[in-house]
Protein backbone atom coordinates (compact mmCIF):
# COMPACT_ATOMS: atom_id res chain seq x y z
CA MET A 1 108.54 107.57 109.42
CA ASN A 2 109.95 104.74 107.31
CA LYS A 3 109.24 101.00 107.40
CA VAL A 4 111.91 100.23 110.02
CA GLU A 5 110.61 102.95 112.34
CA LEU A 6 107.02 101.79 111.83
CA VAL A 7 107.95 98.18 112.62
CA LYS A 8 109.78 99.27 115.80
CA TYR A 9 106.81 101.38 116.90
CA VAL A 10 104.26 98.60 116.34
CA SER A 11 106.57 96.11 118.05
CA GLN A 12 106.88 98.32 121.14
CA GLU A 13 103.13 99.03 121.26
CA THR A 14 102.01 95.41 120.84
CA GLY A 15 104.80 93.43 122.51
CA LEU A 16 105.30 91.40 119.30
CA THR A 17 108.80 90.82 117.97
CA GLN A 18 110.05 93.03 115.17
CA LYS A 19 110.37 89.90 113.02
CA ASP A 20 106.68 89.06 113.52
CA VAL A 21 105.57 92.64 112.85
CA THR A 22 107.71 92.77 109.68
CA GLU A 23 106.16 89.51 108.45
CA VAL A 24 102.62 90.80 109.05
CA PHE A 25 103.42 94.15 107.44
CA ASP A 26 104.98 92.51 104.37
CA THR A 27 102.03 90.13 104.01
CA ALA A 28 99.51 92.98 104.27
CA LEU A 29 101.45 95.02 101.70
CA ALA A 30 101.56 92.02 99.35
CA ALA A 31 97.78 91.60 99.71
CA VAL A 32 97.18 95.27 98.85
CA THR A 33 99.55 95.05 95.87
CA THR A 34 97.89 91.88 94.57
CA ALA A 35 94.43 93.43 94.83
CA LEU A 36 95.56 96.58 93.00
CA LYS A 37 97.14 94.48 90.24
CA ARG A 38 93.75 92.81 89.75
CA GLY A 39 92.16 96.26 89.48
CA GLU A 40 90.40 96.02 92.82
CA GLU A 41 89.94 98.85 95.29
CA VAL A 42 91.33 98.39 98.82
CA ALA A 43 89.50 100.33 101.53
CA ILE A 44 90.82 100.35 105.09
CA ALA A 45 88.41 101.89 107.61
CA GLY A 46 89.99 104.76 109.50
CA LEU A 47 92.84 105.07 107.00
CA GLY A 48 91.61 105.49 103.45
CA LYS A 49 91.27 103.91 100.05
CA PHE A 50 93.82 102.59 97.57
CA ASP A 51 92.78 102.45 93.92
CA VAL A 52 94.25 102.25 90.43
CA ARG A 53 93.75 105.02 87.89
CA LYS A 54 94.34 104.69 84.18
CA ARG A 55 96.48 107.32 82.49
CA ALA A 56 95.89 107.91 78.81
CA ALA A 57 98.71 107.95 76.28
CA ARG A 58 99.96 111.44 75.58
CA LYS A 59 102.66 113.49 73.91
CA SER A 60 105.27 115.27 75.98
CA VAL A 61 108.41 117.32 75.42
CA ASN A 62 111.86 116.21 76.53
CA PRO A 63 113.12 119.31 78.41
CA ARG A 64 116.76 118.73 77.44
CA THR A 65 116.36 118.14 73.71
CA LYS A 66 112.96 119.81 73.18
CA GLU A 67 112.07 116.67 71.23
CA LEU A 68 108.44 115.53 71.17
CA VAL A 69 108.09 112.07 72.75
CA SER A 70 105.19 109.67 73.16
CA VAL A 71 104.29 108.62 76.69
CA PRO A 72 102.38 105.31 76.62
CA ALA A 73 99.18 104.67 78.55
CA SER A 74 99.77 103.37 82.06
CA LYS A 75 98.13 102.60 85.39
CA ALA A 76 98.99 104.44 88.59
CA PRO A 77 98.17 103.53 92.19
CA VAL A 78 96.48 106.31 94.14
CA PHE A 79 95.58 106.78 97.80
CA LYS A 80 92.71 108.85 99.11
CA ALA A 81 92.76 109.54 102.84
CA GLY A 82 89.59 108.74 104.77
CA LYS A 83 87.69 111.21 106.92
CA ALA A 84 89.03 109.77 110.19
CA LEU A 85 92.64 110.19 109.03
CA LYS A 86 92.01 113.70 107.73
CA ASP A 87 90.35 114.67 111.02
CA ALA A 88 93.24 113.21 113.05
CA VAL A 89 95.83 115.11 111.02
CA ASN A 90 93.82 118.33 111.37
CA GLY A 91 93.47 117.90 115.14
CA LYS A 92 89.70 117.40 115.15
């Protein structure tokens, strides 16, 4: 399911317009992104937890040239599914 399909589904289930649902979805996504940029954790009951993990700098090999390259340290967003979501997916 992509964003357009999700917006259509929520619109049909709630009776809200697709425009309103898109606005709410975009605002919620912006709030999650802003919190992650600040290094905060975002926990949504029944869904899971978004967090940021730090990746250390490392050396890697370019597969085409076999040249050793440096990969700088970075941050990566991660999502950990909550128990309710895991149970729903597993049919419990």
